[in-house]
């Protein structure tokens, strides 16, 4: 059948079509039209009032047909997604366990992630157990008030589904969906740190820690800065302090030629081979250009973070450098 594009209301996994196959429910979420984010009466932690907030979908129009999966496909997907959930939990636990923010994100992933697969046209199928469907009221039109969708897909697969792709790992607040590349695409430790980064955004959205209206909003900038700080800290801890050492040594190589006003921040042009070489031994050799680009961005932002700390420039300085780098990376255009 062809999927029409009605407006629909729900949270993460409110299905327009639900099918029961043995012990599992198949929930179809089209992510089309206008979504209304709804909350039930369970109080959030941190405390928050029930909120209804309309957000436009980011999916591009498509007439690609979408069909319900067979029972065999549902069972196979359920087993695969359960293995994927356990793999992601191990991945995050290895890098984050014992860190206060890390423990919070591990619990958030374990308790609130609803795994799904893209099936065409931006539509996702979510396979959940009867117990989970009952607990979260997924088929009763409400869903987990802190739940979010997690989908493993390549950047190419996301583009084929009409989705806007800014990064291999990304949290889309309009869909309340976190996208990860297939395991093995990038270095394991790198993916773990980036997963913590994106989970921070999903957590902030779920608990209304931030409510960014655009990439240039103060909330977005503070949320992005918070996510990067957690990412850097966990990665440095996993590397036994070697990330901070590499950053400090890379900055020292500039001597007296540190960035000057008006930006006072390192930019992409500063990432010459003699600088990036300082980070080459931190992780396994990248196997693709996409990972190399991700790494350069992380090293650059980490250098700026350390530089701003040394200059005692405070949050304003951190955000200014973040905006400076993101503008070069094309995340958003700077505004007057």
Protein backbone atom coordinates (compact mmCIF):
# COMPACT_ATOMS: atom_id res chain seq x y z
CA UNK A 1 0.00 0.00 0.00
CA UNK A 2 1.05 3.61 -0.43
CA UNK A 3 1.40 5.56 2.76
CA UNK A 4 -0.54 8.80 2.80
CA UNK A 5 0.69 11.69 4.91
CA UNK A 6 -1.89 12.48 7.58
CA UNK A 7 -1.23 14.56 10.63
CA UNK A 8 -0.83 12.28 13.62
CA UNK A 9 -0.44 12.57 17.34
CA UNK A 10 1.83 10.57 19.59
CA UNK A 11 5.11 10.00 21.33
CA UNK A 12 7.92 8.08 19.70
CA UNK A 13 6.06 4.89 18.99
CA UNK A 14 2.39 5.75 18.70
CA UNK A 15 1.48 3.47 15.84
CA UNK A 16 -0.97 4.26 13.11
CA UNK A 17 -1.04 0.51 12.51
CA UNK A 18 -0.29 -2.04 15.21
CA UNK A 19 0.01 -5.76 14.64
CA UNK A 20 0.35 -8.56 17.18
CA UNK A 21 2.66 -11.43 16.33
CA UNK A 22 2.97 -13.95 19.15
CA UNK A 23 4.86 -12.27 21.99
CA UNK A 24 5.63 -9.11 20.02
CA UNK A 25 3.82 -6.02 18.80
CA UNK A 26 4.75 -4.38 15.54
CA UNK A 27 4.22 -0.62 15.68
CA UNK A 28 4.40 1.52 12.54
CA UNK A 29 5.44 5.12 13.00
CA UNK A 30 5.28 7.24 9.82
CA UNK A 31 6.76 10.47 11.24
CA UNK A 32 4.71 12.49 8.80
CA UNK A 33 2.63 15.63 9.05
CA UNK A 34 2.61 17.50 12.35
CA UNK A 35 3.44 15.68 15.54
CA UNK A 36 2.04 16.61 18.92
CA UNK A 37 4.29 15.56 21.76
CA UNK A 38 2.07 14.32 24.56
CA UNK A 39 2.83 13.36 28.16
CA UNK A 40 0.93 11.28 30.63
CA UNK A 41 0.44 12.14 34.29
CA UNK A 42 3.63 10.45 35.50
CA UNK A 43 5.91 13.16 36.84
CA UNK A 44 9.23 13.59 35.11
CA UNK A 45 12.52 13.75 36.96
CA UNK A 46 13.67 16.54 37.00
CA UNK A 47 10.10 17.72 37.89
CA UNK A 48 8.19 19.17 34.98
CA UNK A 49 4.61 19.97 34.14
CA UNK A 50 2.80 18.02 31.39
CA UNK A 51 3.57 19.75 28.11
CA UNK A 52 1.98 19.60 24.70
CA UNK A 53 4.31 20.88 22.00
CA UNK A 54 3.84 20.78 18.24
CA UNK A 55 6.88 20.15 16.09
CA UNK A 56 7.11 19.92 12.30
CA UNK A 57 8.46 16.69 10.85
CA UNK A 58 11.80 16.84 9.05
CA UNK A 59 11.06 14.12 6.52
CA UNK A 60 10.91 15.11 2.88
CA UNK A 61 7.81 14.15 0.87
CA UNK A 62 7.95 10.71 -0.68
CA UNK A 63 5.49 8.27 -2.19
CA UNK A 64 7.63 5.21 -1.58
CA UNK A 65 5.29 2.33 -0.68
CA UNK A 66 5.47 0.89 2.80
CA UNK A 67 4.15 -2.56 3.72
CA UNK A 68 3.65 -4.33 7.01
CA UNK A 69 6.26 -6.94 7.76
CA UNK A 70 5.48 -10.62 7.84
CA UNK A 71 5.41 -12.42 11.22
CA UNK A 72 8.73 -14.01 10.35
CA UNK A 73 10.28 -10.60 9.67
CA UNK A 74 8.90 -9.22 12.92
CA UNK A 75 10.39 -12.08 14.94
CA UNK A 76 13.74 -11.73 13.14
CA UNK A 77 13.77 -7.96 13.69
CA UNK A 78 12.89 -8.42 17.35
CA UNK A 79 15.85 -10.74 17.92
CA UNK A 80 18.22 -8.50 15.99
CA UNK A 81 17.10 -5.32 17.75
CA UNK A 82 17.38 -6.98 21.14
CA UNK A 83 20.97 -7.97 20.35
CA UNK A 84 21.63 -4.43 19.17
CA UNK A 85 20.22 -2.98 22.39
CA UNK A 86 22.49 -5.19 24.47
CA UNK A 87 25.50 -4.29 22.29
CA UNK A 88 24.83 -0.56 22.70
CA UNK A 89 24.45 -0.95 26.45
CA UNK A 90 27.79 -2.78 26.66
CA UNK A 91 29.38 -0.14 24.44
CA UNK A 92 28.18 2.73 26.62
CA UNK A 93 28.84 0.92 29.89
CA UNK A 94 32.46 0.30 28.92
CA UNK A 95 33.13 4.02 28.57
CA UNK A 96 30.61 5.64 30.92
CA UNK A 97 29.98 3.41 33.96
CA UNK A 98 30.98 5.09 37.21
CA UNK A 99 30.69 8.61 35.82
CA UNK A 100 27.60 10.44 37.23
CA UNK A 101 26.46 11.63 33.81
CA UNK A 102 27.48 8.33 32.29
CA UNK A 103 25.40 6.28 34.73
CA UNK A 104 22.41 8.51 34.06
CA UNK A 105 22.76 8.02 30.30
CA UNK A 106 23.18 4.25 30.65
CA UNK A 107 19.93 4.06 32.62
CA UNK A 108 18.21 6.34 30.08
CA UNK A 109 19.28 4.12 27.18
CA UNK A 110 18.31 0.94 29.02
CA UNK A 111 14.91 2.13 30.23
CA UNK A 112 13.63 4.43 27.50
CA UNK A 113 15.13 3.54 24.09
CA UNK A 114 12.64 1.97 21.67
CA UNK A 115 14.53 0.34 18.81
CA UNK A 116 13.24 0.55 15.26
CA UNK A 117 14.11 -0.07 11.62
CA UNK A 118 13.61 2.18 8.62
CA UNK A 119 11.32 0.53 6.08
CA UNK A 120 10.99 3.24 3.44
CA UNK A 121 9.62 6.73 3.05
CA UNK A 122 10.90 7.79 6.47
CA UNK A 123 8.60 5.25 8.14
CA UNK A 124 9.95 3.11 10.96
CA UNK A 125 8.77 -0.20 12.38
CA UNK A 126 9.20 -0.72 16.11
CA UNK A 127 9.03 -4.19 17.59
CA UNK A 128 8.26 -4.25 21.30
CA UNK A 129 7.40 -7.03 23.71
CA UNK A 130 3.90 -7.34 25.18
CA UNK A 131 5.31 -6.34 28.56
CA UNK A 132 6.92 -3.21 27.14
CA UNK A 133 3.83 -2.30 25.15
CA UNK A 134 1.70 -2.68 28.28
CA UNK A 135 4.13 -0.80 30.51
CA UNK A 136 4.62 2.10 28.13
CA UNK A 137 1.06 2.13 26.80
CA UNK A 138 2.53 2.24 23.30
CA UNK A 139 -0.62 0.92 21.68
CA UNK A 140 -2.90 3.01 23.86
CA UNK A 141 -1.89 6.28 22.25
CA UNK A 142 0.42 7.76 24.87
CA UNK A 143 3.76 6.01 25.19
CA UNK A 144 6.66 6.45 27.56
CA UNK A 145 6.82 10.20 28.36
CA UNK A 146 10.61 9.94 28.38
CA UNK A 147 10.91 7.44 25.56
CA UNK A 148 12.79 8.01 22.34
CA UNK A 149 13.28 6.04 19.17
CA UNK A 150 16.71 4.60 18.30
CA UNK A 151 17.42 3.54 14.73
CA UNK A 152 20.56 1.98 13.29
CA UNK A 153 21.07 3.17 9.71
CA UNK A 154 23.81 4.33 7.39
CA UNK A 155 23.80 7.94 6.21
CA UNK A 156 22.94 6.71 2.72
CA UNK A 157 19.96 4.72 4.01
CA UNK A 158 18.69 7.79 5.84
CA UNK A 159 19.00 9.89 2.68
CA UNK A 160 17.07 7.27 0.69
CA UNK A 161 14.31 7.66 3.26
CA UNK A 162 14.14 11.39 2.60
CA UNK A 163 15.78 12.36 5.89
CA UNK A 164 18.07 15.31 6.41
CA UNK A 165 21.55 14.03 7.29
CA UNK A 166 24.05 16.24 9.12
CA UNK A 167 26.11 13.52 10.79
CA UNK A 168 26.49 9.76 11.00
CA UNK A 169 25.30 9.97 14.60
CA UNK A 170 22.48 12.38 15.30
CA UNK A 171 19.48 13.02 17.50
CA UNK A 172 16.52 14.53 15.64
CA UNK A 173 14.19 16.30 18.13
CA UNK A 174 11.48 16.70 15.50
CA UNK A 175 11.21 12.91 15.23
CA UNK A 176 12.46 12.24 18.78
CA UNK A 177 14.77 9.75 17.13
CA UNK A 178 18.45 8.96 17.61
CA UNK A 179 20.33 7.61 14.57
CA UNK A 180 23.46 5.48 14.89
CA UNK A 181 25.62 3.90 12.17
CA UNK A 182 25.94 0.10 12.06
CA UNK A 183 28.37 -1.21 14.65
CA UNK A 184 31.82 -1.67 13.19
CA UNK A 185 31.53 1.36 10.91
CA UNK A 186 33.65 3.52 13.22
CA UNK A 187 36.08 2.98 16.08
CA UNK A 188 34.26 1.41 19.03
CA UNK A 189 35.48 3.93 21.63
CA UNK A 190 34.65 6.85 19.34
CA UNK A 191 31.10 5.59 18.78
CA UNK A 192 30.62 5.13 22.53
CA UNK A 193 31.63 8.74 23.22
CA UNK A 194 29.44 10.04 20.39
CA UNK A 195 26.53 7.90 21.61
CA UNK A 196 26.85 9.58 25.01
CA UNK A 197 26.79 12.95 23.23
CA UNK A 198 23.59 12.20 21.31
CA UNK A 199 21.93 10.56 24.32
CA UNK A 200 22.54 13.81 26.20
CA UNK A 201 20.41 15.60 23.60
CA UNK A 202 17.69 12.95 23.78
CA UNK A 203 17.71 13.14 27.59
CA UNK A 204 17.56 16.94 27.54
CA UNK A 205 14.58 16.77 25.21
CA UNK A 206 12.80 14.07 27.21
CA UNK A 207 13.13 15.94 30.49
CA UNK A 208 12.79 19.44 29.04
CA UNK A 209 16.31 20.40 30.08
CA UNK A 210 16.49 22.33 26.83
CA UNK A 211 13.89 23.40 24.31
CA UNK A 212 15.85 24.77 21.35
CA UNK A 213 13.89 26.65 18.73
CA UNK A 214 16.76 26.73 16.24
CA UNK A 215 20.46 25.99 15.84
CA UNK A 216 21.20 29.59 16.87
CA UNK A 217 19.10 29.54 20.04
CA UNK A 218 20.77 29.85 23.43
CA UNK A 219 19.26 26.54 24.54
CA UNK A 220 20.72 24.70 21.57
CA UNK A 221 24.16 26.17 22.16
CA UNK A 222 24.15 25.34 25.87
CA UNK A 223 22.87 21.83 25.14
CA UNK A 224 25.52 21.26 22.49
CA UNK A 225 28.24 22.53 24.81
CA UNK A 226 26.99 20.26 27.60
CA UNK A 227 26.96 17.24 25.27
CA UNK A 228 30.50 17.92 24.05
CA UNK A 229 31.83 18.32 27.57
CA UNK A 230 30.39 14.93 28.55
CA UNK A 231 31.77 13.38 25.35
CA UNK A 232 35.26 14.78 25.96
CA UNK A 233 35.32 13.74 29.60
CA UNK A 234 34.24 10.16 28.92
CA UNK A 235 36.63 9.79 25.99
CA UNK A 236 39.54 11.17 28.00
CA UNK A 237 38.71 8.83 30.89
CA UNK A 238 38.58 5.83 28.56
CA UNK A 239 41.95 6.90 27.13
CA UNK A 240 43.41 7.25 30.65
CA UNK A 241 44.00 10.98 30.28
CA UNK A 242 45.71 10.78 26.90
CA UNK A 243 43.15 13.00 25.16
CA UNK A 244 43.90 15.95 27.45
CA UNK A 245 47.62 15.28 27.07
CA UNK A 246 47.33 15.28 23.27
CA UNK A 247 45.25 18.46 23.31
CA UNK A 248 47.70 20.27 25.58
CA UNK A 249 50.65 19.22 23.46
CA UNK A 250 48.91 20.24 20.22
CA UNK A 251 48.14 23.68 21.66
CA UNK A 252 51.75 24.06 22.84
CA UNK A 253 52.97 23.56 19.27
CA UNK A 254 51.41 26.89 18.31
CA UNK A 255 53.70 28.65 20.77
CA UNK A 256 52.92 32.36 20.75
CA UNK A 257 50.85 32.02 17.57
CA UNK A 258 47.57 31.16 19.25
CA UNK A 259 44.29 32.30 17.67
CA UNK A 260 43.73 36.04 17.88
CA UNK A 261 40.55 38.16 17.96
CA UNK A 262 37.96 38.46 16.60
CA UNK A 263 37.45 34.70 16.87
CA UNK A 264 40.18 33.76 19.38
CA UNK A 265 39.33 30.15 18.47
CA UNK A 266 41.01 27.40 16.51
CA UNK A 267 39.42 26.81 13.11
CA UNK A 268 39.58 24.04 10.49
CA UNK A 269 42.56 25.74 8.83
CA UNK A 270 44.54 25.17 12.02
CA UNK A 271 44.16 21.40 11.74
CA UNK A 272 47.31 20.87 9.72
CA UNK A 273 48.90 17.41 9.55
CA UNK A 274 51.50 18.39 12.15
CA UNK A 275 48.60 19.05 14.55
CA UNK A 276 46.30 16.14 13.71
CA UNK A 277 49.30 13.82 14.00
CA UNK A 278 49.17 14.44 17.77
CA UNK A 279 45.88 12.54 17.89
CA UNK A 280 46.61 9.73 15.44
CA UNK A 281 47.61 7.21 18.08
CA UNK A 282 44.63 7.75 20.37
CA UNK A 283 42.29 5.49 18.39
CA UNK A 284 42.61 2.78 15.78
CA UNK A 285 43.31 3.94 12.24
CA UNK A 286 40.03 5.15 10.67
CA UNK A 287 38.69 2.98 7.89
CA UNK A 288 36.69 5.66 6.06
CA UNK A 289 36.69 9.36 5.34
CA UNK A 290 33.49 9.97 7.28
CA UNK A 291 35.13 8.83 10.50
CA UNK A 292 38.22 10.91 9.79
CA UNK A 293 36.07 14.02 9.41
CA UNK A 294 34.29 13.24 12.68
CA UNK A 295 37.61 12.86 14.44
CA UNK A 296 38.99 16.17 13.14
CA UNK A 297 35.89 17.97 14.39
CA UNK A 298 36.21 16.36 17.83
CA UNK A 299 39.91 17.19 18.14
CA UNK A 300 39.28 20.77 17.00
CA UNK A 301 36.44 21.30 19.47
CA UNK A 302 38.47 19.70 22.27
CA UNK A 303 41.36 22.08 21.56
CA UNK A 304 39.03 25.06 21.71
CA UNK A 305 37.44 23.79 24.90
CA UNK A 306 40.85 23.53 26.55
CA UNK A 307 41.97 26.91 25.21
CA UNK A 308 38.88 28.69 26.53
CA UNK A 309 39.45 27.04 29.94
CA UNK A 310 42.98 28.42 30.03
CA UNK A 311 41.71 31.89 29.09
CA UNK A 312 38.99 31.78 31.77
CA UNK A 313 36.53 32.99 29.13
CA UNK A 314 33.58 31.19 30.74
CA UNK A 315 30.48 29.81 29.04
CA UNK A 316 30.34 32.72 26.58
CA UNK A 317 33.82 31.85 25.33
CA UNK A 318 32.98 28.16 24.97
CA UNK A 319 29.81 28.92 23.02
CA UNK A 320 31.58 31.47 20.80
CA UNK A 321 34.17 28.85 19.77
CA UNK A 322 31.50 26.21 19.28
CA UNK A 323 29.58 28.52 16.96
CA UNK A 324 32.78 29.40 15.14
CA UNK A 325 33.61 25.75 14.38
CA UNK A 326 30.03 24.73 13.59
CA UNK A 327 29.72 27.56 11.10
CA UNK A 328 32.68 26.18 9.17
CA UNK A 329 31.18 22.71 9.33
CA UNK A 330 27.94 23.99 7.82
CA UNK A 331 25.72 23.12 10.78
CA UNK A 332 24.21 26.60 10.72
CA UNK A 333 24.92 30.03 9.34
CA UNK A 334 26.08 32.62 11.80
CA UNK A 335 23.66 35.44 12.47
CA UNK A 336 24.46 39.13 12.99
